Amino acid sequence: MYQLTWIQVMADLDTKLSAFEVVHKKILKLQTDACLKDQVVAAYVELQKADCALSNVLIRARAVKKPAAPKAKSASRKRKSKSVKVEGQNEEDGADENDEEEEEDEPAPPVVPAPKRRKGRKSA
């Protein structure tokens, strides 16, 4: 229902905008003939009504929130998934020393050792 409301508001906005454009084109045509002042005035009144309707739809559109986009993974989750992959490679390759050197080259500290340091500081 939430998305239907947003879709309905957007459709209404599109309809009102189309009506506004039609009236505006009509006014531009009528302005070329100076003798048609009454029709120009009537078209301006119609334009004011279309503008008011468009404004009302815009106000409603601001009140309705767009459906939220799915959130991306945070950086810490990405690091955790990388560390899991490295640990899986350690078991397959059997070379723990080489992988530890690669972890030191990374700009971010490993996820697991950081809490151990903090616990040591709190107890000391």
PDB file of N, CA and C in Angstrom:
ATOM      1  N   MET A   1       0.828  -1.190   0.000  1.00  0.00           N
ATOM      2  CA  MET A   1       0.000   0.000   0.000  1.00  0.00           C
ATOM      3  C   MET A   1       0.868   1.248   0.000  1.00  0.00           C
ATOM      4  N   TYR A   2       1.998   1.168   0.686  1.00  0.00           N
ATOM      5  CA  TYR A   2       2.884   2.328   0.769  1.00  0.00           C
ATOM      6  C   TYR A   2       3.391   2.735  -0.606  1.00  0.00           C
ATOM      7  N   GLN A   3       3.835   1.763  -1.399  1.00  0.00           N
ATOM      8  CA  GLN A   3       4.326   2.073  -2.733  1.00  0.00           C
ATOM      9  C   GLN A   3       3.190   2.528  -3.633  1.00  0.00           C
ATOM     10  N   LEU A   4       2.000   1.965  -3.473  1.00  0.00           N
ATOM     11  CA  LEU A   4       0.865   2.388  -4.281  1.00  0.00           C
ATOM     12  C   LEU A   4       0.561   3.859  -4.044  1.00  0.00           C
ATOM     13  N   THR A   5       0.652   4.303  -2.811  1.00  0.00           N
ATOM     14  CA  THR A   5       0.411   5.709  -2.511  1.00  0.00           C
ATOM     15  C   THR A   5       1.428   6.575  -3.233  1.00  0.00           C
ATOM     16  N   TRP A   6       2.687   6.188  -3.201  1.00  0.00           N
ATOM     17  CA  TRP A   6       3.730   6.960  -3.881  1.00  0.00           C
ATOM     18  C   TRP A   6       3.483   6.967  -5.387  1.00  0.00           C
ATOM     19  N   ILE A   7       3.120   5.824  -5.942  1.00  0.00           N
ATOM     20  CA  ILE A   7       2.866   5.734  -7.379  1.00  0.00           C
ATOM     21  C   ILE A   7       1.657   6.586  -7.753  1.00  0.00           C
ATOM     22  N   GLN A   8       0.635   6.577  -6.925  1.00  0.00           N
ATOM     23  CA  GLN A   8      -0.549   7.388  -7.198  1.00  0.00           C
ATOM     24  C   GLN A   8      -0.208   8.869  -7.183  1.00  0.00           C
ATOM     25  N   VAL A   9       0.590   9.287  -6.227  1.00  0.00           N
ATOM     26  CA  VAL A   9       0.982  10.697  -6.152  1.00  0.00           C
ATOM     27  C   VAL A   9       1.798  11.086  -7.378  1.00  0.00           C
ATOM     28  N   MET A  10       2.706  10.223  -7.786  1.00  0.00           N
ATOM     29  CA  MET A  10       3.526  10.533  -8.961  1.00  0.00           C
ATOM     30  C   MET A  10       2.673  10.588 -10.230  1.00  0.00           C
ATOM     31  N   ALA A  11       1.681   9.716 -10.354  1.00  0.00           N
ATOM     32  CA  ALA A  11       0.792   9.739 -11.516  1.00  0.00           C
ATOM     33  C   ALA A  11      -0.047  11.013 -11.521  1.00  0.00           C
ATOM     34  N   ASP A  12      -0.536  11.400 -10.347  1.00  0.00           N
ATOM     35  CA  ASP A  12      -1.318  12.632 -10.242  1.00  0.00           C
ATOM     36  C   ASP A  12      -0.456  13.835 -10.588  1.00  0.00           C
ATOM     37  N   LEU A  13       0.764  13.819 -10.138  1.00  0.00           N
ATOM     38  CA  LEU A  13       1.694  14.905 -10.446  1.00  0.00           C
ATOM     39  C   LEU A  13       1.935  14.992 -11.947  1.00  0.00           C
ATOM     40  N   ASP A  14       2.112  13.859 -12.580  1.00  0.00           N
ATOM     41  CA  ASP A  14       2.332  13.827 -14.025  1.00  0.00           C
ATOM     42  C   ASP A  14       1.116  14.367 -14.772  1.00  0.00           C
ATOM     43  N   THR A  15      -0.078  13.992 -14.320  1.00  0.00           N
ATOM     44  CA  THR A  15      -1.311  14.469 -14.956  1.00  0.00           C
ATOM     45  C   THR A  15      -1.445  15.979 -14.825  1.00  0.00           C
ATOM     46  N   LYS A  16      -1.210  16.492 -13.628  1.00  0.00           N
ATOM     47  CA  LYS A  16      -1.348  17.937 -13.403  1.00  0.00           C
ATOM     48  C   LYS A  16      -0.291  18.707 -14.179  1.00  0.00           C
ATOM     49  N   LEU A  17       0.897  18.156 -14.270  1.00  0.00           N
ATOM     50  CA  LEU A  17       1.963  18.820 -15.014  1.00  0.00           C
ATOM     51  C   LEU A  17       1.621  18.873 -16.499  1.00  0.00           C
ATOM     52  N   SER A  18       1.042  17.819 -17.019  1.00  0.00           N
ATOM     53  CA  SER A  18       0.625  17.805 -18.427  1.00  0.00           C
ATOM     54  C   SER A  18      -0.445  18.859 -18.676  1.00  0.00           C
ATOM     55  N   ALA A  19      -1.412  18.966 -17.767  1.00  0.00           N
ATOM     56  CA  ALA A  19      -2.464  19.977 -17.910  1.00  0.00           C
ATOM     57  C   ALA A  19      -1.868  21.378 -17.865  1.00  0.00           C
ATOM     58  N   PHE A  20      -0.911  21.582 -16.995  1.00  0.00           N
ATOM     59  CA  PHE A  20      -0.249  22.879 -16.881  1.00  0.00           C
ATOM     60  C   PHE A  20       0.450  23.233 -18.190  1.00  0.00           C
ATOM     61  N   GLU A  21       1.139  22.275 -18.780  1.00  0.00           N
ATOM     62  CA  GLU A  21       1.856  22.521 -20.033  1.00  0.00           C
ATOM     63  C   GLU A  21       0.889  22.826 -21.175  1.00  0.00           C
ATOM     64  N   VAL A  22      -0.251  22.140 -21.218  1.00  0.00           N
ATOM     65  CA  VAL A  22      -1.245  22.387 -22.270  1.00  0.00           C
ATOM     66  C   VAL A  22      -1.766  23.814 -22.175  1.00  0.00           C
ATOM     67  N   VAL A  23      -2.103  24.245 -20.964  1.00  0.00           N
ATOM     68  CA  VAL A  23      -2.618  25.606 -20.781  1.00  0.00           C
ATOM     69  C   VAL A  23      -1.543  26.626 -21.127  1.00  0.00           C
ATOM     70  N   HIS A  24      -0.313  26.354 -20.760  1.00  0.00           N
ATOM     71  CA  HIS A  24       0.774  27.289 -21.053  1.00  0.00           C
ATOM     72  C   HIS A  24       0.967  27.435 -22.562  1.00  0.00           C
ATOM     73  N   LYS A  25       0.894  26.347 -23.298  1.00  0.00           N
ATOM     74  CA  LYS A  25       1.011  26.416 -24.760  1.00  0.00           C
ATOM     75  C   LYS A  25      -0.143  27.210 -25.357  1.00  0.00           C
ATOM     76  N   LYS A  26      -1.341  27.028 -24.786  1.00  0.00           N
ATOM     77  CA  LYS A  26      -2.509  27.765 -25.267  1.00  0.00           C
ATOM     78  C   LYS A  26      -2.293  29.271 -25.081  1.00  0.00           C
ATOM     79  N   ILE A  27      -1.734  29.650 -23.945  1.00  0.00           N
ATOM     80  CA  ILE A  27      -1.476  31.072 -23.680  1.00  0.00           C
ATOM     81  C   ILE A  27      -0.451  31.617 -24.665  1.00  0.00           C
ATOM     82  N   LEU A  28       0.585  30.863 -24.934  1.00  0.00           N
ATOM     83  CA  LEU A  28       1.601  31.325 -25.882  1.00  0.00           C
ATOM     84  C   LEU A  28       1.002  31.549 -27.271  1.00  0.00           C
ATOM     85  N   LYS A  29       0.081  30.690 -27.698  1.00  0.00           N
ATOM     86  CA  LYS A  29      -0.583  30.876 -28.990  1.00  0.00           C
ATOM     87  C   LYS A  29      -1.463  32.120 -28.978  1.00  0.00           C
ATOM     88  N   LEU A  30      -2.194  32.325 -27.884  1.00  0.00           N
ATOM     89  CA  LEU A  30      -3.120  33.457 -27.811  1.00  0.00           C
ATOM     90  C   LEU A  30      -2.394  34.794 -27.717  1.00  0.00           C
ATOM     91  N   GLN A  31      -1.194  34.795 -27.167  1.00  0.00           N
ATOM     92  CA  GLN A  31      -0.459  36.052 -27.028  1.00  0.00           C
ATOM     93  C   GLN A  31      -0.036  36.615 -28.374  1.00  0.00           C
ATOM     94  N   THR A  32       0.039  35.780 -29.379  1.00  0.00           N
ATOM     95  CA  THR A  32       0.431  36.286 -30.701  1.00  0.00           C
ATOM     96  C   THR A  32      -0.652  37.173 -31.294  1.00  0.00           C
ATOM     97  N   ASP A  33      -1.923  36.930 -30.952  1.00  0.00           N
ATOM     98  CA  ASP A  33      -3.016  37.786 -31.421  1.00  0.00           C
ATOM     99  C   ASP A  33      -3.358  38.787 -30.330  1.00  0.00           C
ATOM    100  N   ALA A  34      -3.097  40.048 -30.588  1.00  0.00           N
ATOM    101  CA  ALA A  34      -3.352  41.089 -29.590  1.00  0.00           C
ATOM    102  C   ALA A  34      -4.846  41.329 -29.400  1.00  0.00           C
ATOM    103  N   CYS A  35      -5.647  40.993 -30.389  1.00  0.00           N
ATOM    104  CA  CYS A  35      -7.083  41.259 -30.291  1.00  0.00           C
ATOM    105  C   CYS A  35      -7.822  40.233 -29.433  1.00  0.00           C
ATOM    106  N   LEU A  36      -7.162  39.188 -28.995  1.00  0.00           N
ATOM    107  CA  LEU A  36      -7.812  38.133 -28.218  1.00  0.00           C
ATOM    108  C   LEU A  36      -7.509  38.267 -26.723  1.00  0.00           C
ATOM    109  N   LYS A  37      -7.585  39.481 -26.211  1.00  0.00           N
ATOM    110  CA  LYS A  37      -7.213  39.726 -24.810  1.00  0.00           C
ATOM    111  C   LYS A  37      -8.108  38.970 -23.831  1.00  0.00           C
ATOM    112  N   ASP A  38      -9.395  38.884 -24.117  1.00  0.00           N
ATOM    113  CA  ASP A  38     -10.306  38.184 -23.199  1.00  0.00           C
ATOM    114  C   ASP A  38      -9.938  36.706 -23.078  1.00  0.00           C
ATOM    115  N   GLN A  39      -9.582  36.104 -24.200  1.00  0.00           N
ATOM    116  CA  GLN A  39      -9.198  34.694 -24.169  1.00  0.00           C
ATOM    117  C   GLN A  39      -7.872  34.494 -23.435  1.00  0.00           C
ATOM    118  N   VAL A  40      -6.975  35.477 -23.581  1.00  0.00           N
ATOM    119  CA  VAL A  40      -5.698  35.394 -22.867  1.00  0.00           C
ATOM    120  C   VAL A  40      -5.936  35.470 -21.364  1.00  0.00           C
ATOM    121  N   VAL A  41      -6.817  36.384 -20.947  1.00  0.00           N
ATOM    122  CA  VAL A  41      -7.122  36.515 -19.522  1.00  0.00           C
ATOM    123  C   VAL A  41      -7.755  35.221 -19.001  1.00  0.00           C
ATOM    124  N   ALA A  42      -8.667  34.652 -19.768  1.00  0.00           N
ATOM    125  CA  ALA A  42      -9.307  33.399 -19.357  1.00  0.00           C
ATOM    126  C   ALA A  42      -8.273  32.271 -19.269  1.00  0.00           C
ATOM    127  N   ALA A  43      -7.344  32.267 -20.206  1.00  0.00           N
ATOM    128  CA  ALA A  43      -6.303  31.237 -20.182  1.00  0.00           C
ATOM    129  C   ALA A  43      -5.383  31.422 -18.980  1.00  0.00           C
ATOM    130  N   TYR A  44      -5.105  32.680 -18.607  1.00  0.00           N
ATOM    131  CA  TYR A  44      -4.288  32.925 -17.415  1.00  0.00           C
ATOM    132  C   TYR A  44      -5.004  32.441 -16.153  1.00  0.00           C
ATOM    133  N   VAL A  45      -6.300  32.644 -16.093  1.00  0.00           N
ATOM    134  CA  VAL A  45      -7.063  32.147 -14.946  1.00  0.00           C
ATOM    135  C   VAL A  45      -6.986  30.620 -14.899  1.00  0.00           C
ATOM    136  N   GLU A  46      -7.116  29.996 -16.061  1.00  0.00           N
ATOM    137  CA  GLU A  46      -7.001  28.535 -16.138  1.00  0.00           C
ATOM    138  C   GLU A  46      -5.601  28.081 -15.728  1.00  0.00           C
ATOM    139  N   LEU A  47      -4.610  28.863 -16.120  1.00  0.00           N
ATOM    140  CA  LEU A  47      -3.228  28.551 -15.746  1.00  0.00           C
ATOM    141  C   LEU A  47      -3.035  28.650 -14.238  1.00  0.00           C
ATOM    142  N   GLN A  48      -3.653  29.659 -13.630  1.00  0.00           N
ATOM    143  CA  GLN A  48      -3.561  29.809 -12.174  1.00  0.00           C
ATOM    144  C   GLN A  48      -4.170  28.594 -11.467  1.00  0.00           C
ATOM    145  N   LYS A  49      -5.304  28.115 -11.985  1.00  0.00           N
ATOM    146  CA  LYS A  49      -5.943  26.937 -11.389  1.00  0.00           C
ATOM    147  C   LYS A  49      -5.050  25.702 -11.542  1.00  0.00           C
ATOM    148  N   ALA A  50      -4.461  25.554 -12.728  1.00  0.00           N
ATOM    149  CA  ALA A  50      -3.572  24.412 -12.959  1.00  0.00           C
ATOM    150  C   ALA A  50      -2.342  24.503 -12.066  1.00  0.00           C
ATOM    151  N   ASP A  51      -1.844  25.724 -11.869  1.00  0.00           N
ATOM    152  CA  ASP A  51      -0.684  25.936 -11.002  1.00  0.00           C
ATOM    153  C   ASP A  51      -1.028  25.582  -9.558  1.00  0.00           C
ATOM    154  N   CYS A  52      -2.214  25.973  -9.127  1.00  0.00           N
ATOM    155  CA  CYS A  52      -2.653  25.663  -7.765  1.00  0.00           C
ATOM    156  C   CYS A  52      -2.789  24.147  -7.582  1.00  0.00           C
ATOM    157  N   ALA A  53      -3.365  23.477  -8.570  1.00  0.00           N
ATOM    158  CA  ALA A  53      -3.514  22.017  -8.488  1.00  0.00           C
ATOM    159  C   ALA A  53      -2.149  21.343  -8.453  1.00  0.00           C
ATOM    160  N   LEU A  54      -1.224  21.849  -9.260  1.00  0.00           N
ATOM    161  CA  LEU A  54       0.129  21.291  -9.283  1.00  0.00           C
ATOM    162  C   LEU A  54       0.821  21.502  -7.941  1.00  0.00           C
ATOM    163  N   SER A  55       0.645  22.666  -7.354  1.00  0.00           N
ATOM    164  CA  SER A  55       1.240  22.946  -6.043  1.00  0.00           C
ATOM    165  C   SER A  55       0.684  22.008  -4.974  1.00  0.00           C
ATOM    166  N   ASN A  56      -0.624  21.764  -5.021  1.00  0.00           N
ATOM    167  CA  ASN A  56      -1.232  20.854  -4.041  1.00  0.00           C
ATOM    168  C   ASN A  56      -0.667  19.445  -4.165  1.00  0.00           C
ATOM    169  N   VAL A  57      -0.462  19.002  -5.394  1.00  0.00           N
ATOM    170  CA  VAL A  57       0.100  17.665  -5.596  1.00  0.00           C
ATOM    171  C   VAL A  57       1.539  17.616  -5.095  1.00  0.00           C
ATOM    172  N   LEU A  58       2.287  18.687  -5.327  1.00  0.00           N
ATOM    173  CA  LEU A  58       3.669  18.725  -4.840  1.00  0.00           C
ATOM    174  C   LEU A  58       3.719  18.685  -3.318  1.00  0.00           C
ATOM    175  N   ILE A  59       2.782  19.365  -2.683  1.00  0.00           N
ATOM    176  CA  ILE A  59       2.727  19.339  -1.216  1.00  0.00           C
ATOM    177  C   ILE A  59       2.444  17.918  -0.736  1.00  0.00           C
ATOM    178  N   ARG A  60       1.513  17.231  -1.403  1.00  0.00           N
ATOM    179  CA  ARG A  60       1.230  15.841  -1.036  1.00  0.00           C
ATOM    180  C   ARG A  60       2.430  14.948  -1.304  1.00  0.00           C
ATOM    181  N   ALA A  61       3.142  15.219  -2.392  1.00  0.00           N
ATOM    182  CA  ALA A  61       4.305  14.390  -2.732  1.00  0.00           C
ATOM    183  C   ALA A  61       5.391  14.531  -1.680  1.00  0.00           C
ATOM    184  N   ARG A  62       5.533  15.713  -1.123  1.00  0.00           N
ATOM    185  CA  ARG A  62       6.538  15.898  -0.068  1.00  0.00           C
ATOM    186  C   ARG A  62       6.148  15.160   1.201  1.00  0.00           C
ATOM    187  N   ALA A  63       4.842  15.028   1.441  1.00  0.00           N
ATOM    188  CA  ALA A  63       4.372  14.347   2.646  1.00  0.00           C
ATOM    189  C   ALA A  63       4.552  12.834   2.543  1.00  0.00           C
ATOM    190  N   VAL A  64       4.498  12.295   1.330  1.00  0.00           N
ATOM    191  CA  VAL A  64       4.660  10.853   1.136  1.00  0.00           C
ATOM    192  C   VAL A  64       6.136  10.563   0.955  1.00  0.00           C
ATOM    193  N   LYS A  65       6.646   9.629   1.738  1.00  0.00           N
ATOM    194  CA  LYS A  65       8.063   9.284   1.633  1.00  0.00           C
ATOM    195  C   LYS A  65       8.254   8.246   0.547  1.00  0.00           C
ATOM    196  N   LYS A  66       9.373   8.364  -0.148  1.00  0.00           N
ATOM    197  CA  LYS A  66       9.717   7.374  -1.163  1.00  0.00           C
ATOM    198  C   LYS A  66      10.077   6.072  -0.479  1.00  0.00           C
ATOM    199  N   PRO A  67       9.830   4.941  -1.140  1.00  0.00           N
ATOM    200  CA  PRO A  67      10.272   3.666  -0.569  1.00  0.00           C
ATOM    201  C   PRO A  67      11.791   3.666  -0.408  1.00  0.00           C
ATOM    202  N   ALA A  68      12.243   3.179   0.726  1.00  0.00           N
ATOM    203  CA  ALA A  68      13.676   3.203   1.021  1.00  0.00           C
ATOM    204  C   ALA A  68      14.424   2.210   0.140  1.00  0.00           C
ATOM    205  N   ALA A  69      15.592   2.633  -0.296  1.00  0.00           N
ATOM    206  CA  ALA A  69      16.460   1.751  -1.081  1.00  0.00           C
ATOM    207  C   ALA A  69      17.171   0.800  -0.122  1.00  0.00           C
ATOM    208  N   PRO A  70      17.521  -0.382  -0.573  1.00  0.00           N
ATOM    209  CA  PRO A  70      18.241  -1.305   0.309  1.00  0.00           C
ATOM    210  C   PRO A  70      19.595  -0.728   0.703  1.00  0.00           C
ATOM    211  N   LYS A  71      19.946  -0.945   1.967  1.00  0.00           N
ATOM    212  CA  LYS A  71      21.202  -0.387   2.474  1.00  0.00           C
ATOM    213  C   LYS A  71      22.386  -1.232   2.017  1.00  0.00           C
ATOM    214  N   ALA A  72      23.494  -0.559   1.780  1.00  0.00           N
ATOM    215  CA  ALA A  72      24.724  -1.253   1.383  1.00  0.00           C
ATOM    216  C   ALA A  72      25.405  -1.816   2.624  1.00  0.00           C
ATOM    217  N   LYS A  73      26.274  -2.793   2.407  1.00  0.00           N
ATOM    218  CA  LYS A  73      27.028  -3.360   3.526  1.00  0.00           C
ATOM    219  C   LYS A  73      27.978  -2.312   4.083  1.00  0.00           C
ATOM    220  N   SER A  74      28.165  -2.336   5.386  1.00  0.00           N
ATOM    221  CA  SER A  74      29.118  -1.419   5.987  1.00  0.00           C
ATOM    222  C   SER A  74      30.538  -1.917   5.741  1.00  0.00           C
ATOM    223  N   ALA A  75      31.502  -1.042   5.953  1.00  0.00           N
ATOM    224  CA  ALA A  75      32.906  -1.386   5.715  1.00  0.00           C
ATOM    225  C   ALA A  75      33.375  -2.493   6.658  1.00  0.00           C
ATOM    226  N   SER A  76      32.883  -2.483   7.898  1.00  0.00           N
ATOM    227  CA  SER A  76      33.325  -3.511   8.841  1.00  0.00           C
ATOM    228  C   SER A  76      32.836  -4.890   8.411  1.00  0.00           C
ATOM    229  N   ARG A  77      31.638  -4.965   7.846  1.00  0.00           N
ATOM    230  CA  ARG A  77      31.147  -6.257   7.364  1.00  0.00           C
ATOM    231  C   ARG A  77      31.987  -6.739   6.196  1.00  0.00           C
ATOM    232  N   LYS A  78      32.387  -5.830   5.326  1.00  0.00           N
ATOM    233  CA  LYS A  78      33.221  -6.217   4.193  1.00  0.00           C
ATOM    234  C   LYS A  78      34.566  -6.742   4.684  1.00  0.00           C
ATOM    235  N   ARG A  79      35.154  -6.069   5.693  1.00  0.00           N
ATOM    236  CA  ARG A  79      36.436  -6.522   6.230  1.00  0.00           C
ATOM    237  C   ARG A  79      36.298  -7.904   6.856  1.00  0.00           C
ATOM    238  N   LYS A  80      35.199  -8.139   7.561  1.00  0.00           N
ATOM    239  CA  LYS A  80      34.994  -9.446   8.176  1.00  0.00           C
ATOM    240  C   LYS A  80      34.908 -10.523   7.110  1.00  0.00           C
ATOM    241  N   SER A  81      34.206 -10.232   6.022  1.00  0.00           N
ATOM    242  CA  SER A  81      34.087 -11.241   4.971  1.00  0.00           C
ATOM    243  C   SER A  81      35.439 -11.494   4.318  1.00  0.00           C
ATOM    244  N   LYS A  82      36.283 -10.478   4.195  1.00  0.00           N
ATOM    245  CA  LYS A  82      37.621 -10.682   3.641  1.00  0.00           C
ATOM    246  C   LYS A  82      38.463 -11.533   4.578  1.00  0.00           C
ATOM    247  N   SER A  83      38.373 -11.278   5.888  1.00  0.00           N
ATOM    248  CA  SER A  83      39.182 -12.046   6.827  1.00  0.00           C
ATOM    249  C   SER A  83      38.756 -13.510   6.830  1.00  0.00           C
ATOM    250  N   VAL A  84      37.490 -13.773   6.620  1.00  0.00           N
ATOM    251  CA  VAL A  84      37.024 -15.159   6.547  1.00  0.00           C
ATOM    252  C   VAL A  84      37.624 -15.830   5.326  1.00  0.00           C
ATOM    253  N   LYS A  85      37.682 -15.122   4.221  1.00  0.00           N
ATOM    254  CA  LYS A  85      38.260 -15.694   3.011  1.00  0.00           C
ATOM    255  C   LYS A  85      39.741 -15.992   3.212  1.00  0.00           C
ATOM    256  N   VAL A  86      40.461 -15.090   3.882  1.00  0.00           N
ATOM    257  CA  VAL A  86      41.888 -15.292   4.116  1.00  0.00           C
ATOM    258  C   VAL A  86      42.094 -16.501   5.013  1.00  0.00           C
ATOM    259  N   GLU A  87      41.260 -16.655   6.048  1.00  0.00           N
ATOM    260  CA  GLU A  87      41.391 -17.809   6.925  1.00  0.00           C
ATOM    261  C   GLU A  87      41.122 -19.095   6.158  1.00  0.00           C
ATOM    262  N   GLY A  88      40.162 -19.084   5.261  1.00  0.00           N
ATOM    263  CA  GLY A  88      39.876 -20.262   4.444  1.00  0.00           C
ATOM    264  C   GLY A  88      41.051 -20.604   3.556  1.00  0.00           C
ATOM    265  N   GLN A  89      41.752 -19.607   3.051  1.00  0.00           N
ATOM    266  CA  GLN A  89      42.920 -19.840   2.216  1.00  0.00           C
ATOM    267  C   GLN A  89      44.071 -20.394   3.041  1.00  0.00           C
ATOM    268  N   ASN A  90      44.180 -19.962   4.292  1.00  0.00           N
ATOM    269  CA  ASN A  90      45.239 -20.464   5.162  1.00  0.00           C
ATOM    270  C   ASN A  90      45.126 -21.971   5.328  1.00  0.00           C
ATOM    271  N   GLU A  91      43.909 -22.454   5.520  1.00  0.00           N
ATOM    272  CA  GLU A  91      43.716 -23.883   5.729  1.00  0.00           C
ATOM    273  C   GLU A  91      44.049 -24.660   4.466  1.00  0.00           C
ATOM    274  N   GLU A  92      43.712 -24.109   3.315  1.00  0.00           N
ATOM    275  CA  GLU A  92      43.974 -24.811   2.068  1.00  0.00           C
ATOM    276  C   GLU A  92      45.459 -24.786   1.723  1.00  0.00           C
ATOM    277  N   ASP A  93      46.097 -23.627   1.853  1.00  0.00           N
ATOM    278  CA  ASP A  93      47.492 -23.484   1.457  1.00  0.00           C
ATOM    279  C   ASP A  93      48.443 -24.057   2.500  1.00  0.00           C
ATOM    280  N   GLY A  94      48.112 -23.904   3.770  1.00  0.00           N
ATOM    281  CA  GLY A  94      48.993 -24.355   4.829  1.00  0.00           C
ATOM    282  C   GLY A  94      50.133 -23.382   5.079  1.00  0.00           C
ATOM    283  N   ALA A  95      50.056 -22.161   4.567  1.00  0.00           N
ATOM    284  CA  ALA A  95      51.117 -21.170   4.752  1.00  0.00           C
ATOM    285  C   ALA A  95      50.551 -20.013   5.556  1.00  0.00           C
ATOM    286  N   ASP A  96      50.650 -20.097   6.876  1.00  0.00           N
ATOM    287  CA  ASP A  96      50.112 -19.064   7.745  1.00  0.00           C
ATOM    288  C   ASP A  96      50.997 -17.828   7.767  1.00  0.00           C
ATOM    289  N   GLU A  97      52.287 -17.981   7.645  1.00  0.00           N
ATOM    290  CA  GLU A  97      53.201 -16.849   7.769  1.00  0.00           C
ATOM    291  C   GLU A  97      53.024 -15.848   6.625  1.00  0.00           C
ATOM    292  N   ASN A  98      52.863 -16.311   5.421  1.00  0.00           N
ATOM    293  CA  ASN A  98      52.711 -15.402   4.281  1.00  0.00           C
ATOM    294  C   ASN A  98      51.427 -14.593   4.370  1.00  0.00           C
ATOM    295  N   ASP A  99      50.353 -15.194   4.826  1.00  0.00           N
ATOM    296  CA  ASP A  99      49.085 -14.497   4.934  1.00  0.00           C
ATOM    297  C   ASP A  99      49.120 -13.452   6.045  1.00  0.00           C
ATOM    298  N   GLU A 100      49.877 -13.687   7.109  1.00  0.00           N
ATOM    299  CA  GLU A 100      49.983 -12.690   8.170  1.00  0.00           C
ATOM    300  C   GLU A 100      50.676 -11.438   7.661  1.00  0.00           C
ATOM    301  N   GLU A 101      51.656 -11.593   6.793  1.00  0.00           N
ATOM    302  CA  GLU A 101      52.329 -10.423   6.236  1.00  0.00           C
ATOM    303  C   GLU A 101      51.377  -9.625   5.351  1.00  0.00           C
ATOM    304  N   GLU A 102      50.498 -10.298   4.634  1.00  0.00           N
ATOM    305  CA  GLU A 102      49.531  -9.592   3.800  1.00  0.00           C
ATOM    306  C   GLU A 102      48.566  -8.794   4.655  1.00  0.00           C
ATOM    307  N   GLU A 103      48.178  -9.317   5.808  1.00  0.00           N
ATOM    308  CA  GLU A 103      47.278  -8.593   6.691  1.00  0.00           C
ATOM    309  C   GLU A 103      47.933  -7.328   7.227  1.00  0.00           C
ATOM    310  N   GLU A 104      49.233  -7.343   7.453  1.00  0.00           N
ATOM    311  CA  GLU A 104      49.926  -6.159   7.946  1.00  0.00           C
ATOM    312  C   GLU A 104      49.969  -5.062   6.892  1.00  0.00           C
ATOM    313  N   ASP A 105      49.951  -5.431   5.614  1.00  0.00           N
ATOM    314  CA  ASP A 105      49.980  -4.447   4.546  1.00  0.00           C
ATOM    315  C   ASP A 105      48.652  -3.713   4.399  1.00  0.00           C
ATOM    316  N   GLU A 106      47.563  -4.267   4.918  1.00  0.00           N
ATOM    317  CA  GLU A 106      46.257  -3.630   4.801  1.00  0.00           C
ATOM    318  C   GLU A 106      46.227  -2.355   5.640  1.00  0.00           C
ATOM    319  N   PRO A 107      45.576  -1.293   5.155  1.00  0.00           N
ATOM    320  CA  PRO A 107      45.520  -0.042   5.917  1.00  0.00           C
ATOM    321  C   PRO A 107      44.664  -0.151   7.183  1.00  0.00           C
ATOM    322  N   ALA A 108      43.626  -0.990   7.175  1.00  0.00           N
ATOM    323  CA  ALA A 108      42.763  -1.125   8.342  1.00  0.00           C
ATOM    324  C   ALA A 108      43.277  -2.253   9.234  1.00  0.00           C
ATOM    325  N   PRO A 109      43.210  -2.084  10.558  1.00  0.00           N
ATOM    326  CA  PRO A 109      43.654  -3.146  11.458  1.00  0.00           C
ATOM    327  C   PRO A 109      42.707  -4.338  11.354  1.00  0.00           C
ATOM    328  N   PRO A 110      43.197  -5.541  11.618  1.00  0.00           N
ATOM    329  CA  PRO A 110      42.330  -6.721  11.582  1.00  0.00           C
ATOM    330  C   PRO A 110      41.196  -6.584  12.588  1.00  0.00           C
ATOM    331  N   VAL A 111      40.065  -7.156  12.298  1.00  0.00           N
ATOM    332  CA  VAL A 111      38.872  -7.000  13.122  1.00  0.00           C
ATOM    333  C   VAL A 111      39.010  -7.712  14.459  1.00  0.00           C
ATOM    334  N   VAL A 112      39.573  -8.905  14.492  1.00  0.00           N
ATOM    335  CA  VAL A 112      39.613  -9.715  15.708  1.00  0.00           C
ATOM    336  C   VAL A 112      40.591  -9.176  16.753  1.00  0.00           C
ATOM    337  N   PRO A 113      41.848  -8.800  16.442  1.00  0.00           N
ATOM    338  CA  PRO A 113      42.775  -8.365  17.485  1.00  0.00           C
ATOM    339  C   PRO A 113      42.393  -7.051  18.172  1.00  0.00           C
ATOM    340  N   ALA A 114      41.664  -6.180  17.527  1.00  0.00           N
ATOM    341  CA  ALA A 114      41.353  -4.880  18.112  1.00  0.00           C
ATOM    342  C   ALA A 114      40.608  -4.997  19.441  1.00  0.00           C
ATOM    343  N   PRO A 115      39.564  -5.812  19.577  1.00  0.00           N
ATOM    344  CA  PRO A 115      38.895  -5.923  20.877  1.00  0.00           C
ATOM    345  C   PRO A 115      39.794  -6.509  21.955  1.00  0.00           C
ATOM    346  N   LYS A 116      40.726  -7.376  21.601  1.00  0.00           N
ATOM    347  CA  LYS A 116      41.627  -7.951  22.600  1.00  0.00           C
ATOM    348  C   LYS A 116      42.477  -6.859  23.229  1.00  0.00           C
ATOM    349  N   ARG A 117      42.950  -5.926  22.439  1.00  0.00           N
ATOM    350  CA  ARG A 117      43.753  -4.825  22.982  1.00  0.00           C
ATOM    351  C   ARG A 117      42.917  -3.966  23.920  1.00  0.00           C
ATOM    352  N   ARG A 118      41.698  -3.712  23.524  1.00  0.00           N
ATOM    353  CA  ARG A 118      40.835  -2.875  24.361  1.00  0.00           C
ATOM    354  C   ARG A 118      40.545  -3.556  25.692  1.00  0.00           C
ATOM    355  N   LYS A 119      40.328  -4.851  25.671  1.00  0.00           N
ATOM    356  CA  LYS A 119      40.063  -5.565  26.915  1.00  0.00           C
ATOM    357  C   LYS A 119      41.275  -5.492  27.830  1.00  0.00           C
ATOM    358  N   GLY A 120      42.460  -5.565  27.247  1.00  0.00           N
ATOM    359  CA  GLY A 120      43.673  -5.486  28.047  1.00  0.00           C
ATOM    360  C   GLY A 120      43.824  -4.120  28.696  1.00  0.00           C
ATOM    361  N   ARG A 121      43.466  -3.091  27.998  1.00  0.00           N
ATOM    362  CA  ARG A 121      43.579  -1.741  28.552  1.00  0.00           C
ATOM    363  C   ARG A 121      42.572  -1.519  29.669  1.00  0.00           C
ATOM    364  N   LYS A 122      41.383  -2.061  29.513  1.00  0.00           N
ATOM    365  CA  LYS A 122      40.360  -1.868  30.534  1.00  0.00           C
ATOM    366  C   LYS A 122      40.733  -2.580  31.833  1.00  0.00           C
ATOM    367  N   SER A 123      41.315  -3.765  31.726  1.00  0.00           N
ATOM    368  CA  SER A 123      41.649  -4.525  32.930  1.00  0.00           C
ATOM    369  C   SER A 123      42.919  -3.992  33.596  1.00  0.00           C
ATOM    370  N   ALA A 124      43.774  -3.309  32.853  1.00  0.00           N
ATOM    371  CA  ALA A 124      45.033  -2.835  33.422  1.00  0.00           C
ATOM    372  C   ALA A 124      44.852  -1.612  34.277  1.00  0.00           C
TER     373      ALA A 124
END
